[in-house]
Amino acid sequence: MSTEVAQHQVVATDAAAAVLRHLTATFGPLILIQSGGCCDGSSPICLQEGELLLREDDLLLDELEGVPFYCDREQYERWNRPPLVLDVGHGPAEGFSLEGLAGVHFKCETPRER
């Protein structure tokens, strides 16, 4: 697992922060992984800590409400290291991300997309 941190690259909207707090209170320690296109497309995936083994190439971008946010280093470099905004959308996640149980799904956008 990478120990390098790309400081302050991700911010959470108030709605996303509230969902993270709720999920942490419900499930305990969590991690967020910015998916590279499988399972939930390119949506962030929220899992209980330890459910997914991190790789050396997983870059810790930031920590939101105590939840570490990772992205594949090569993918992040291809995207030109953008700042990201974590938000929520209505309707459950299509895959196995925990916020789907709350009837919402996480989405990540660049400030330009907002």
PDB file of N, CA and C in Angstrom:
ATOM      1  N   MET A   1       0.854  -1.176   0.000  1.00  0.00           N
ATOM      2  CA  MET A   1       0.000   0.000   0.000  1.00  0.00           C
ATOM      3  C   MET A   1       0.896   1.234   0.000  1.00  0.00           C
ATOM      4  N   SER A   2       0.518   2.225  -0.775  1.00  0.00           N
ATOM      5  CA  SER A   2       1.284   3.452  -0.888  1.00  0.00           C
ATOM      6  C   SER A   2       1.179   4.278   0.392  1.00  0.00           C
ATOM      7  N   THR A   3       2.277   4.883   0.772  1.00  0.00           N
ATOM      8  CA  THR A   3       2.250   5.793   1.903  1.00  0.00           C
ATOM      9  C   THR A   3       2.273   7.240   1.437  1.00  0.00           C
ATOM     10  N   GLU A   4       2.460   7.440   0.138  1.00  0.00           N
ATOM     11  CA  GLU A   4       2.472   8.785  -0.419  1.00  0.00           C
ATOM     12  C   GLU A   4       1.061   9.362  -0.386  1.00  0.00           C
ATOM     13  N   VAL A   5       0.964  10.629  -0.046  1.00  0.00           N
ATOM     14  CA  VAL A   5      -0.331  11.290   0.029  1.00  0.00           C
ATOM     15  C   VAL A   5      -0.317  12.509  -0.875  1.00  0.00           C
ATOM     16  N   ALA A   6      -1.305  12.620  -1.735  1.00  0.00           N
ATOM     17  CA  ALA A   6      -1.488  13.817  -2.552  1.00  0.00           C
ATOM     18  C   ALA A   6      -2.430  14.721  -1.755  1.00  0.00           C
ATOM     19  N   GLN A   7      -1.879  15.522  -0.879  1.00  0.00           N
ATOM     20  CA  GLN A   7      -2.639  16.300   0.103  1.00  0.00           C
ATOM     21  C   GLN A   7      -3.743  17.155  -0.506  1.00  0.00           C
ATOM     22  N   HIS A   8      -4.887  17.126   0.144  1.00  0.00           N
ATOM     23  CA  HIS A   8      -6.020  18.011  -0.151  1.00  0.00           C
ATOM     24  C   HIS A   8      -6.462  17.955  -1.612  1.00  0.00           C
ATOM     25  N   GLN A   9      -6.568  16.759  -2.138  1.00  0.00           N
ATOM     26  CA  GLN A   9      -6.995  16.582  -3.520  1.00  0.00           C
ATOM     27  C   GLN A   9      -8.473  16.250  -3.629  1.00  0.00           C
ATOM     28  N   VAL A  10      -9.118  15.941  -2.520  1.00  0.00           N
ATOM     29  CA  VAL A  10     -10.532  15.573  -2.546  1.00  0.00           C
ATOM     30  C   VAL A  10     -11.248  16.347  -1.441  1.00  0.00           C
ATOM     31  N   VAL A  11     -12.387  16.913  -1.779  1.00  0.00           N
ATOM     32  CA  VAL A  11     -13.244  17.533  -0.780  1.00  0.00           C
ATOM     33  C   VAL A  11     -14.612  16.868  -0.873  1.00  0.00           C
ATOM     34  N   ALA A  12     -15.343  16.876   0.218  1.00  0.00           N
ATOM     35  CA  ALA A  12     -16.680  16.297   0.253  1.00  0.00           C
ATOM     36  C   ALA A  12     -17.717  17.399   0.390  1.00  0.00           C
ATOM     37  N   THR A  13     -18.808  17.255  -0.328  1.00  0.00           N
ATOM     38  CA  THR A  13     -19.934  18.162  -0.111  1.00  0.00           C
ATOM     39  C   THR A  13     -20.521  17.852   1.266  1.00  0.00           C
ATOM     40  N   ASP A  14     -21.361  18.742   1.766  1.00  0.00           N
ATOM     41  CA  ASP A  14     -22.009  18.497   3.057  1.00  0.00           C
ATOM     42  C   ASP A  14     -22.809  17.192   3.026  1.00  0.00           C
ATOM     43  N   ALA A  15     -23.483  16.939   1.912  1.00  0.00           N
ATOM     44  CA  ALA A  15     -24.295  15.722   1.795  1.00  0.00           C
ATOM     45  C   ALA A  15     -23.412  14.475   1.835  1.00  0.00           C
ATOM     46  N   ALA A  16     -22.293  14.494   1.125  1.00  0.00           N
ATOM     47  CA  ALA A  16     -21.386  13.343   1.122  1.00  0.00           C
ATOM     48  C   ALA A  16     -20.768  13.139   2.501  1.00  0.00           C
ATOM     49  N   ALA A  17     -20.407  14.225   3.168  1.00  0.00           N
ATOM     50  CA  ALA A  17     -19.834  14.125   4.516  1.00  0.00           C
ATOM     51  C   ALA A  17     -20.836  13.504   5.478  1.00  0.00           C
ATOM     52  N   ALA A  18     -22.104  13.889   5.372  1.00  0.00           N
ATOM     53  CA  ALA A  18     -23.134  13.329   6.248  1.00  0.00           C
ATOM     54  C   ALA A  18     -23.299  11.830   6.009  1.00  0.00           C
ATOM     55  N   VAL A  19     -23.268  11.404   4.747  1.00  0.00           N
ATOM     56  CA  VAL A  19     -23.384   9.973   4.438  1.00  0.00           C
ATOM     57  C   VAL A  19     -22.176   9.221   4.991  1.00  0.00           C
ATOM     58  N   LEU A  20     -20.984   9.778   4.850  1.00  0.00           N
ATOM     59  CA  LEU A  20     -19.786   9.119   5.396  1.00  0.00           C
ATOM     60  C   LEU A  20     -19.873   8.974   6.914  1.00  0.00           C
ATOM     61  N   ARG A  21     -20.342  10.007   7.590  1.00  0.00           N
ATOM     62  CA  ARG A  21     -20.489   9.918   9.048  1.00  0.00           C
ATOM     63  C   ARG A  21     -21.492   8.836   9.432  1.00  0.00           C
ATOM     64  N   HIS A  22     -22.616   8.782   8.723  1.00  0.00           N
ATOM     65  CA  HIS A  22     -23.633   7.763   8.987  1.00  0.00           C
ATOM     66  C   HIS A  22     -23.086   6.354   8.741  1.00  0.00           C
ATOM     67  N   LEU A  23     -22.391   6.169   7.628  1.00  0.00           N
ATOM     68  CA  LEU A  23     -21.850   4.844   7.306  1.00  0.00           C
ATOM     69  C   LEU A  23     -20.773   4.424   8.305  1.00  0.00           C
ATOM     70  N   THR A  24     -19.945   5.354   8.737  1.00  0.00           N
ATOM     71  CA  THR A  24     -18.915   5.044   9.729  1.00  0.00           C
ATOM     72  C   THR A  24     -19.562   4.647  11.053  1.00  0.00           C
ATOM     73  N   ALA A  25     -20.601   5.357  11.451  1.00  0.00           N
ATOM     74  CA  ALA A  25     -21.298   5.014  12.701  1.00  0.00           C
ATOM     75  C   ALA A  25     -21.952   3.639  12.600  1.00  0.00           C
ATOM     76  N   THR A  26     -22.400   3.273  11.414  1.00  0.00           N
ATOM     77  CA  THR A  26     -23.088   2.002  11.201  1.00  0.00           C
ATOM     78  C   THR A  26     -22.124   0.835  11.030  1.00  0.00           C
ATOM     79  N   PHE A  27     -21.063   1.031  10.236  1.00  0.00           N
ATOM     80  CA  PHE A  27     -20.198  -0.077   9.834  1.00  0.00           C
ATOM     81  C   PHE A  27     -18.791  -0.042  10.421  1.00  0.00           C
ATOM     82  N   GLY A  28     -18.415   1.044  11.072  1.00  0.00           N
ATOM     83  CA  GLY A  28     -17.056   1.149  11.583  1.00  0.00           C
ATOM     84  C   GLY A  28     -16.123   1.733  10.529  1.00  0.00           C
ATOM     85  N   PRO A  29     -14.814   1.495  10.678  1.00  0.00           N
ATOM     86  CA  PRO A  29     -13.833   2.091   9.758  1.00  0.00           C
ATOM     87  C   PRO A  29     -14.098   1.717   8.298  1.00  0.00           C
ATOM     88  N   LEU A  30     -13.963   2.724   7.436  1.00  0.00           N
ATOM     89  CA  LEU A  30     -14.251   2.574   6.012  1.00  0.00           C
ATOM     90  C   LEU A  30     -13.061   3.004   5.171  1.00  0.00           C
ATOM     91  N   ILE A  31     -13.118   2.664   3.888  1.00  0.00           N
ATOM     92  CA  ILE A  31     -12.213   3.218   2.883  1.00  0.00           C
ATOM     93  C   ILE A  31     -13.029   3.577   1.656  1.00  0.00           C
ATOM     94  N   LEU A  32     -12.557   4.545   0.911  1.00  0.00           N
ATOM     95  CA  LEU A  32     -13.117   4.903  -0.388  1.00  0.00           C
ATOM     96  C   LEU A  32     -12.054   4.635  -1.443  1.00  0.00           C
ATOM     97  N   ILE A  33     -12.468   4.002  -2.529  1.00  0.00           N
ATOM     98  CA  ILE A  33     -11.581   3.731  -3.657  1.00  0.00           C
ATOM     99  C   ILE A  33     -12.234   4.326  -4.897  1.00  0.00           C
ATOM    100  N   GLN A  34     -11.507   5.181  -5.612  1.00  0.00           N
ATOM    101  CA  GLN A  34     -12.020   5.701  -6.878  1.00  0.00           C
ATOM    102  C   GLN A  34     -11.862   4.609  -7.919  1.00  0.00           C
ATOM    103  N   SER A  35     -12.989   4.053  -8.349  1.00  0.00           N
ATOM    104  CA  SER A  35     -12.983   2.945  -9.297  1.00  0.00           C
ATOM    105  C   SER A  35     -12.453   3.400 -10.645  1.00  0.00           C
ATOM    106  N   GLY A  36     -11.802   2.483 -11.318  1.00  0.00           N
ATOM    107  CA  GLY A  36     -11.250   2.773 -12.636  1.00  0.00           C
ATOM    108  C   GLY A  36     -12.123   2.310 -13.769  1.00  0.00           C
ATOM    109  N   GLY A  37     -13.355   1.948 -13.518  1.00  0.00           N
ATOM    110  CA  GLY A  37     -14.229   1.611 -14.621  1.00  0.00           C
ATOM    111  C   GLY A  37     -14.879   0.251 -14.536  1.00  0.00           C
ATOM    112  N   CYS A  38     -14.591  -0.540 -13.522  1.00  0.00           N
ATOM    113  CA  CYS A  38     -15.286  -1.819 -13.398  1.00  0.00           C
ATOM    114  C   CYS A  38     -16.351  -1.682 -12.306  1.00  0.00           C
ATOM    115  N   CYS A  39     -17.166  -2.656 -12.172  1.00  0.00           N
ATOM    116  CA  CYS A  39     -18.204  -2.714 -11.131  1.00  0.00           C
ATOM    117  C   CYS A  39     -19.127  -1.514 -11.185  1.00  0.00           C
ATOM    118  N   ASP A  40     -18.817  -0.447 -10.516  1.00  0.00           N
ATOM    119  CA  ASP A  40     -19.672   0.737 -10.470  1.00  0.00           C
ATOM    120  C   ASP A  40     -19.268   1.771 -11.519  1.00  0.00           C
ATOM    121  N   GLY A  41     -18.716   1.329 -12.624  1.00  0.00           N
ATOM    122  CA  GLY A  41     -18.274   2.277 -13.634  1.00  0.00           C
ATOM    123  C   GLY A  41     -17.056   3.011 -13.131  1.00  0.00           C
ATOM    124  N   SER A  42     -17.152   4.310 -13.016  1.00  0.00           N
ATOM    125  CA  SER A  42     -16.024   5.073 -12.478  1.00  0.00           C
ATOM    126  C   SER A  42     -16.435   5.807 -11.207  1.00  0.00           C
ATOM    127  N   SER A  43     -17.337   5.227 -10.465  1.00  0.00           N
ATOM    128  CA  SER A  43     -17.796   5.822  -9.213  1.00  0.00           C
ATOM    129  C   SER A  43     -16.893   5.423  -8.057  1.00  0.00           C
ATOM    130  N   PRO A  44     -16.796   6.280  -7.054  1.00  0.00           N
ATOM    131  CA  PRO A  44     -16.078   5.875  -5.843  1.00  0.00           C
ATOM    132  C   PRO A  44     -16.812   4.704  -5.182  1.00  0.00           C
ATOM    133  N   ILE A  45     -16.063   3.779  -4.645  1.00  0.00           N
ATOM    134  CA  ILE A  45     -16.628   2.621  -3.964  1.00  0.00           C
ATOM    135  C   ILE A  45     -16.285   2.732  -2.490  1.00  0.00           C
ATOM    136  N   CYS A  46     -17.292   2.617  -1.635  1.00  0.00           N
ATOM    137  CA  CYS A  46     -17.115   2.704  -0.190  1.00  0.00           C
ATOM    138  C   CYS A  46     -17.236   1.302   0.400  1.00  0.00           C
ATOM    139  N   LEU A  47     -16.205   0.882   1.123  1.00  0.00           N
ATOM    140  CA  LEU A  47     -16.155  -0.453   1.713  1.00  0.00           C
ATOM    141  C   LEU A  47     -15.712  -0.362   3.161  1.00  0.00           C
ATOM    142  N   GLN A  48     -16.015  -1.419   3.912  1.00  0.00           N
ATOM    143  CA  GLN A  48     -15.454  -1.510   5.249  1.00  0.00           C
ATOM    144  C   GLN A  48     -13.953  -1.728   5.108  1.00  0.00           C
ATOM    145  N   GLU A  49     -13.208  -1.106   5.998  1.00  0.00           N
ATOM    146  CA  GLU A  49     -11.755  -1.255   5.987  1.00  0.00           C
ATOM    147  C   GLU A  49     -11.412  -2.748   6.028  1.00  0.00           C
ATOM    148  N   GLY A  50     -10.495  -3.174   5.165  1.00  0.00           N
ATOM    149  CA  GLY A  50     -10.068  -4.560   5.127  1.00  0.00           C
ATOM    150  C   GLY A  50     -10.809  -5.425   4.123  1.00  0.00           C
ATOM    151  N   GLU A  51     -11.914  -4.938   3.552  1.00  0.00           N
ATOM    152  CA  GLU A  51     -12.652  -5.726   2.567  1.00  0.00           C
ATOM    153  C   GLU A  51     -11.948  -5.808   1.224  1.00  0.00           C
ATOM    154  N   LEU A  52     -11.079  -4.867   0.952  1.00  0.00           N
ATOM    155  CA  LEU A  52     -10.328  -4.853  -0.299  1.00  0.00           C
ATOM    156  C   LEU A  52      -8.868  -4.613   0.037  1.00  0.00           C
ATOM    157  N   LEU A  53      -8.011  -5.481  -0.454  1.00  0.00           N
ATOM    158  CA  LEU A  53      -6.586  -5.297  -0.217  1.00  0.00           C
ATOM    159  C   LEU A  53      -6.073  -4.192  -1.124  1.00  0.00           C
ATOM    160  N   LEU A  54      -5.436  -3.214  -0.531  1.00  0.00           N
ATOM    161  CA  LEU A  54      -4.864  -2.124  -1.308  1.00  0.00           C
ATOM    162  C   LEU A  54      -3.560  -2.584  -1.938  1.00  0.00           C
ATOM    163  N   ARG A  55      -3.272  -2.017  -3.097  1.00  0.00           N
ATOM    164  CA  ARG A  55      -2.043  -2.340  -3.815  1.00  0.00           C
ATOM    165  C   ARG A  55      -1.022  -1.218  -3.608  1.00  0.00           C
ATOM    166  N   GLU A  56       0.198  -1.503  -3.935  1.00  0.00           N
ATOM    167  CA  GLU A  56       1.257  -0.495  -3.824  1.00  0.00           C
ATOM    168  C   GLU A  56       0.955   0.711  -4.702  1.00  0.00           C
ATOM    169  N   ASP A  57       0.231   0.493  -5.805  1.00  0.00           N
ATOM    170  CA  ASP A  57      -0.087   1.574  -6.732  1.00  0.00           C
ATOM    171  C   ASP A  57      -1.333   2.364  -6.351  1.00  0.00           C
ATOM    172  N   ASP A  58      -1.975   2.030  -5.241  1.00  0.00           N
ATOM    173  CA  ASP A  58      -3.121   2.803  -4.783  1.00  0.00           C
ATOM    174  C   ASP A  58      -2.610   4.007  -4.011  1.00  0.00           C
ATOM    175  N   LEU A  59      -2.909   5.169  -4.521  1.00  0.00           N
ATOM    176  CA  LEU A  59      -2.423   6.436  -3.972  1.00  0.00           C
ATOM    177  C   LEU A  59      -3.459   7.006  -3.010  1.00  0.00           C
ATOM    178  N   LEU A  60      -3.048   7.315  -1.810  1.00  0.00           N
ATOM    179  CA  LEU A  60      -3.924   7.968  -0.841  1.00  0.00           C
ATOM    180  C   LEU A  60      -4.033   9.440  -1.228  1.00  0.00           C
ATOM    181  N   LEU A  61      -5.221   9.842  -1.686  1.00  0.00           N
ATOM    182  CA  LEU A  61      -5.416  11.225  -2.122  1.00  0.00           C
ATOM    183  C   LEU A  61      -5.765  12.154  -0.978  1.00  0.00           C
ATOM    184  N   ASP A  62      -6.559  11.656  -0.039  1.00  0.00           N
ATOM    185  CA  ASP A  62      -7.023  12.519   1.037  1.00  0.00           C
ATOM    186  C   ASP A  62      -7.761  11.677   2.067  1.00  0.00           C
ATOM    187  N   GLU A  63      -8.254  12.326   3.090  1.00  0.00           N
ATOM    188  CA  GLU A  63      -9.087  11.685   4.105  1.00  0.00           C
ATOM    189  C   GLU A  63     -10.307  12.577   4.314  1.00  0.00           C
ATOM    190  N   LEU A  64     -11.487  11.978   4.215  1.00  0.00           N
ATOM    191  CA  LEU A  64     -12.740  12.720   4.350  1.00  0.00           C
ATOM    192  C   LEU A  64     -13.523  12.152   5.518  1.00  0.00           C
ATOM    193  N   GLU A  65     -13.807  12.964   6.507  1.00  0.00           N
ATOM    194  CA  GLU A  65     -14.539  12.506   7.689  1.00  0.00           C
ATOM    195  C   GLU A  65     -13.880  11.269   8.306  1.00  0.00           C
ATOM    196  N   GLY A  66     -12.554  11.228   8.254  1.00  0.00           N
ATOM    197  CA  GLY A  66     -11.820  10.101   8.813  1.00  0.00           C
ATOM    198  C   GLY A  66     -11.723   8.905   7.890  1.00  0.00           C
ATOM    199  N   VAL A  67     -12.249   9.000   6.682  1.00  0.00           N
ATOM    200  CA  VAL A  67     -12.244   7.893   5.724  1.00  0.00           C
ATOM    201  C   VAL A  67     -11.188   8.165   4.653  1.00  0.00           C
ATOM    202  N   PRO A  68     -10.175   7.293   4.539  1.00  0.00           N
ATOM    203  CA  PRO A  68      -9.165   7.492   3.499  1.00  0.00           C
ATOM    204  C   PRO A  68      -9.748   7.288   2.102  1.00  0.00           C
ATOM    205  N   PHE A  69      -9.298   8.110   1.161  1.00  0.00           N
ATOM    206  CA  PHE A  69      -9.771   8.083  -0.229  1.00  0.00           C
ATOM    207  C   PHE A  69      -8.584   7.753  -1.125  1.00  0.00           C
ATOM    208  N   TYR A  70      -8.664   6.617  -1.810  1.00  0.00           N
ATOM    209  CA  TYR A  70      -7.582   6.117  -2.657  1.00  0.00           C
ATOM    210  C   TYR A  70      -7.972   6.154  -4.124  1.00  0.00           C
ATOM    211  N   CYS A  71      -6.948   6.227  -4.975  1.00  0.00           N
ATOM    212  CA  CYS A  71      -7.121   6.135  -6.429  1.00  0.00           C
ATOM    213  C   CYS A  71      -5.874   5.460  -6.991  1.00  0.00           C
ATOM    214  N   ASP A  72      -6.042   4.702  -8.059  1.00  0.00           N
ATOM    215  CA  ASP A  72      -4.893   4.104  -8.729  1.00  0.00           C
ATOM    216  C   ASP A  72      -3.966   5.213  -9.214  1.00  0.00           C
ATOM    217  N   ARG A  73      -2.692   5.101  -8.877  1.00  0.00           N
ATOM    218  CA  ARG A  73      -1.713   6.148  -9.190  1.00  0.00           C
ATOM    219  C   ARG A  73      -1.651   6.450 -10.692  1.00  0.00           C
ATOM    220  N   GLU A  74      -1.582   5.414 -11.527  1.00  0.00           N
ATOM    221  CA  GLU A  74      -1.479   5.617 -12.972  1.00  0.00           C
ATOM    222  C   GLU A  74      -2.725   6.314 -13.520  1.00  0.00           C
ATOM    223  N   GLN A  75      -3.882   5.897 -13.051  1.00  0.00           N
ATOM    224  CA  GLN A  75      -5.125   6.523 -13.483  1.00  0.00           C
ATOM    225  C   GLN A  75      -5.151   7.992 -13.080  1.00  0.00           C
ATOM    226  N   TYR A  76      -4.757   8.282 -11.856  1.00  0.00           N
ATOM    227  CA  TYR A  76      -4.755   9.660 -11.373  1.00  0.00           C
ATOM    228  C   TYR A  76      -3.796  10.532 -12.180  1.00  0.00           C
ATOM    229  N   GLU A  77      -2.659   9.971 -12.539  1.00  0.00           N
ATOM    230  CA  GLU A  77      -1.695  10.709 -13.364  1.00  0.00           C
ATOM    231  C   GLU A  77      -2.267  10.955 -14.761  1.00  0.00           C
ATOM    232  N   ARG A  78      -2.937   9.943 -15.327  1.00  0.00           N
ATOM    233  CA  ARG A  78      -3.566  10.100 -16.648  1.00  0.00           C
ATOM    234  C   ARG A  78      -4.598  11.213 -16.634  1.00  0.00           C
ATOM    235  N   TRP A  79      -5.291  11.368 -15.499  1.00  0.00           N
ATOM    236  CA  TRP A  79      -6.289  12.431 -15.364  1.00  0.00           C
ATOM    237  C   TRP A  79      -5.640  13.788 -15.084  1.00  0.00           C
ATOM    238  N   ASN A  80      -4.316  13.840 -15.038  1.00  0.00           N
ATOM    239  CA  ASN A  80      -3.560  15.064 -14.755  1.00  0.00           C
ATOM    240  C   ASN A  80      -3.754  15.570 -13.334  1.00  0.00           C
ATOM    241  N   ARG A  81      -3.894  14.655 -12.385  1.00  0.00           N
ATOM    242  CA  ARG A  81      -3.942  14.943 -10.950  1.00  0.00           C
ATOM    243  C   ARG A  81      -4.969  16.015 -10.576  1.00  0.00           C
ATOM    244  N   PRO A  82      -6.220  15.854 -10.988  1.00  0.00           N
ATOM    245  CA  PRO A  82      -7.212  16.900 -10.697  1.00  0.00           C
ATOM    246  C   PRO A  82      -7.669  16.881  -9.249  1.00  0.00           C
ATOM    247  N   PRO A  83      -8.095  18.034  -8.731  1.00  0.00           N
ATOM    248  CA  PRO A  83      -8.821  18.014  -7.453  1.00  0.00           C
ATOM    249  C   PRO A  83     -10.187  17.378  -7.726  1.00  0.00           C
ATOM    250  N   LEU A  84     -10.728  16.683  -6.745  1.00  0.00           N
ATOM    251  CA  LEU A  84     -12.005  15.987  -6.906  1.00  0.00           C
ATOM    252  C   LEU A  84     -12.990  16.421  -5.833  1.00  0.00           C
ATOM    253  N   VAL A  85     -14.260  16.389  -6.171  1.00  0.00           N
ATOM    254  CA  VAL A  85     -15.334  16.707  -5.241  1.00  0.00           C
ATOM    255  C   VAL A  85     -16.196  15.451  -5.103  1.00  0.00           C
ATOM    256  N   LEU A  86     -16.277  14.912  -3.870  1.00  0.00           N
ATOM    257  CA  LEU A  86     -17.131  13.764  -3.594  1.00  0.00           C
ATOM    258  C   LEU A  86     -18.523  14.276  -3.254  1.00  0.00           C
ATOM    259  N   ASP A  87     -19.518  13.761  -3.968  1.00  0.00           N
ATOM    260  CA  ASP A  87     -20.901  14.163  -3.744  1.00  0.00           C
ATOM    261  C   ASP A  87     -21.772  12.910  -3.744  1.00  0.00           C
ATOM    262  N   VAL A  88     -23.048  13.069  -3.511  1.00  0.00           N
ATOM    263  CA  VAL A  88     -23.983  11.946  -3.564  1.00  0.00           C
ATOM    264  C   VAL A  88     -25.061  12.236  -4.594  1.00  0.00           C
ATOM    265  N   GLY A  89     -25.542  11.167  -5.216  1.00  0.00           N
ATOM    266  CA  GLY A  89     -26.667  11.253  -6.133  1.00  0.00           C
ATOM    267  C   GLY A  89     -27.803  10.416  -5.589  1.00  0.00           C
ATOM    268  N   HIS A  90     -29.001  10.687  -6.048  1.00  0.00           N
ATOM    269  CA  HIS A  90     -30.168   9.932  -5.601  1.00  0.00           C
ATOM    270  C   HIS A  90     -30.200   8.575  -6.289  1.00  0.00           C
ATOM    271  N   GLY A  91     -30.681   7.589  -5.591  1.00  0.00           N
ATOM    272  CA  GLY A  91     -30.747   6.230  -6.108  1.00  0.00           C
ATOM    273  C   GLY A  91     -29.540   5.442  -5.654  1.00  0.00           C
ATOM    274  N   PRO A  92     -29.722   4.168  -5.385  1.00  0.00           N
ATOM    275  CA  PRO A  92     -28.636   3.346  -4.845  1.00  0.00           C
ATOM    276  C   PRO A  92     -27.524   3.101  -5.858  1.00  0.00           C
ATOM    277  N   ALA A  93     -26.357   2.805  -5.336  1.00  0.00           N
ATOM    278  CA  ALA A  93     -25.233   2.407  -6.173  1.00  0.00           C
ATOM    279  C   ALA A  93     -25.596   1.097  -6.862  1.00  0.00           C
ATOM    280  N   GLU A  94     -25.059   0.875  -8.054  1.00  0.00           N
ATOM    281  CA  GLU A  94     -25.385  -0.334  -8.796  1.00  0.00           C
ATOM    282  C   GLU A  94     -24.589  -1.540  -8.325  1.00  0.00           C
ATOM    283  N   GLY A  95     -23.516  -1.337  -7.620  1.00  0.00           N
ATOM    284  CA  GLY A  95     -22.661  -2.437  -7.206  1.00  0.00           C
ATOM    285  C   GLY A  95     -22.732  -2.687  -5.722  1.00  0.00           C
ATOM    286  N   PHE A  96     -21.579  -2.880  -5.127  1.00  0.00           N
ATOM    287  CA  PHE A  96     -21.502  -3.296  -3.729  1.00  0.00           C
ATOM    288  C   PHE A  96     -21.014  -2.201  -2.795  1.00  0.00           C
ATOM    289  N   SER A  97     -21.057  -0.953  -3.215  1.00  0.00           N
ATOM    290  CA  SER A  97     -20.630   0.160  -2.379  1.00  0.00           C
ATOM    291  C   SER A  97     -21.654   0.389  -1.266  1.00  0.00           C
ATOM    292  N   LEU A  98     -21.171   0.590  -0.046  1.00  0.00           N
ATOM    293  CA  LEU A  98     -22.042   0.634   1.134  1.00  0.00           C
ATOM    294  C   LEU A  98     -23.106   1.723   1.125  1.00  0.00           C
ATOM    295  N   GLU A  99     -22.854   2.850   0.502  1.00  0.00           N
ATOM    296  CA  GLU A  99     -23.841   3.928   0.550  1.00  0.00           C
ATOM    297  C   GLU A  99     -25.128   3.550  -0.175  1.00  0.00           C
ATOM    298  N   GLY A 100     -25.086   2.549  -1.032  1.00  0.00           N
ATOM    299  CA  GLY A 100     -26.293   2.072  -1.706  1.00  0.00           C
ATOM    300  C   GLY A 100     -27.351   1.619  -0.723  1.00  0.00           C
ATOM    301  N   LEU A 101     -26.914   1.150   0.449  1.00  0.00           N
ATOM    302  CA  LEU A 101     -27.862   0.730   1.486  1.00  0.00           C
ATOM    303  C   LEU A 101     -28.650   1.916   2.042  1.00  0.00           C
ATOM    304  N   ALA A 102     -28.096   3.122   1.869  1.00  0.00           N
ATOM    305  CA  ALA A 102     -28.781   4.338   2.322  1.00  0.00           C
ATOM    306  C   ALA A 102     -29.617   4.962   1.201  1.00  0.00           C
ATOM    307  N   GLY A 103     -29.672   4.288   0.042  1.00  0.00           N
ATOM    308  CA  GLY A 103     -30.478   4.782  -1.071  1.00  0.00           C
ATOM    309  C   GLY A 103     -29.846   5.874  -1.902  1.00  0.00           C
ATOM    310  N   VAL A 104     -28.527   6.040  -1.782  1.00  0.00           N
ATOM    311  CA  VAL A 104     -27.797   7.035  -2.564  1.00  0.00           C
ATOM    312  C   VAL A 104     -26.555   6.385  -3.150  1.00  0.00           C
ATOM    313  N   HIS A 105     -25.875   7.115  -4.021  1.00  0.00           N
ATOM    314  CA  HIS A 105     -24.597   6.642  -4.541  1.00  0.00           C
ATOM    315  C   HIS A 105     -23.602   7.806  -4.552  1.00  0.00           C
ATOM    316  N   PHE A 106     -22.346   7.465  -4.291  1.00  0.00           N
ATOM    317  CA  PHE A 106     -21.299   8.483  -4.358  1.00  0.00           C
ATOM    318  C   PHE A 106     -20.950   8.746  -5.812  1.00  0.00           C
ATOM    319  N   LYS A 107     -20.582   9.978  -6.069  1.00  0.00           N
ATOM    320  CA  LYS A 107     -20.064  10.347  -7.374  1.00  0.00           C
ATOM    321  C   LYS A 107     -18.926  11.326  -7.149  1.00  0.00           C
ATOM    322  N   CYS A 108     -17.991  11.326  -8.063  1.00  0.00           N
ATOM    323  CA  CYS A 108     -16.830  12.204  -7.945  1.00  0.00           C
ATOM    324  C   CYS A 108     -16.739  13.037  -9.210  1.00  0.00           C
ATOM    325  N   GLU A 109     -16.551  14.319  -9.014  1.00  0.00           N
ATOM    326  CA  GLU A 109     -16.436  15.234 -10.147  1.00  0.00           C
ATOM    327  C   GLU A 109     -15.254  16.172  -9.905  1.00  0.00           C
ATOM    328  N   THR A 110     -14.791  16.747 -10.972  1.00  0.00           N
ATOM    329  CA  THR A 110     -13.799  17.811 -10.827  1.00  0.00           C
ATOM    330  C   THR A 110     -14.576  19.112 -10.616  1.00  0.00           C
ATOM    331  N   PRO A 111     -13.960  20.107 -10.002  1.00  0.00           N
ATOM    332  CA  PRO A 111     -14.674  21.376  -9.813  1.00  0.00           C
ATOM    333  C   PRO A 111     -15.203  21.964 -11.126  1.00  0.00           C
ATOM    334  N   ARG A 112     -14.529  21.705 -12.245  1.00  0.00           N
ATOM    335  CA  ARG A 112     -14.988  22.224 -13.548  1.00  0.00           C
ATOM    336  C   ARG A 112     -16.289  21.567 -13.982  1.00  0.00           C
ATOM    337  N   GLU A 113     -16.502  20.300 -13.591  1.00  0.00           N
ATOM    338  CA  GLU A 113     -17.713  19.568 -13.982  1.00  0.00           C
ATOM    339  C   GLU A 113     -18.940  19.986 -13.187  1.00  0.00           C
ATOM    340  N   ARG A 114     -18.732  20.611 -12.072  1.00  0.00           N
ATOM    341  CA  ARG A 114     -19.848  20.951 -11.165  1.00  0.00           C
ATOM    342  C   ARG A 114     -20.639  22.108 -11.664  1.00  0.00           C
TER     343      ARG A 114
END
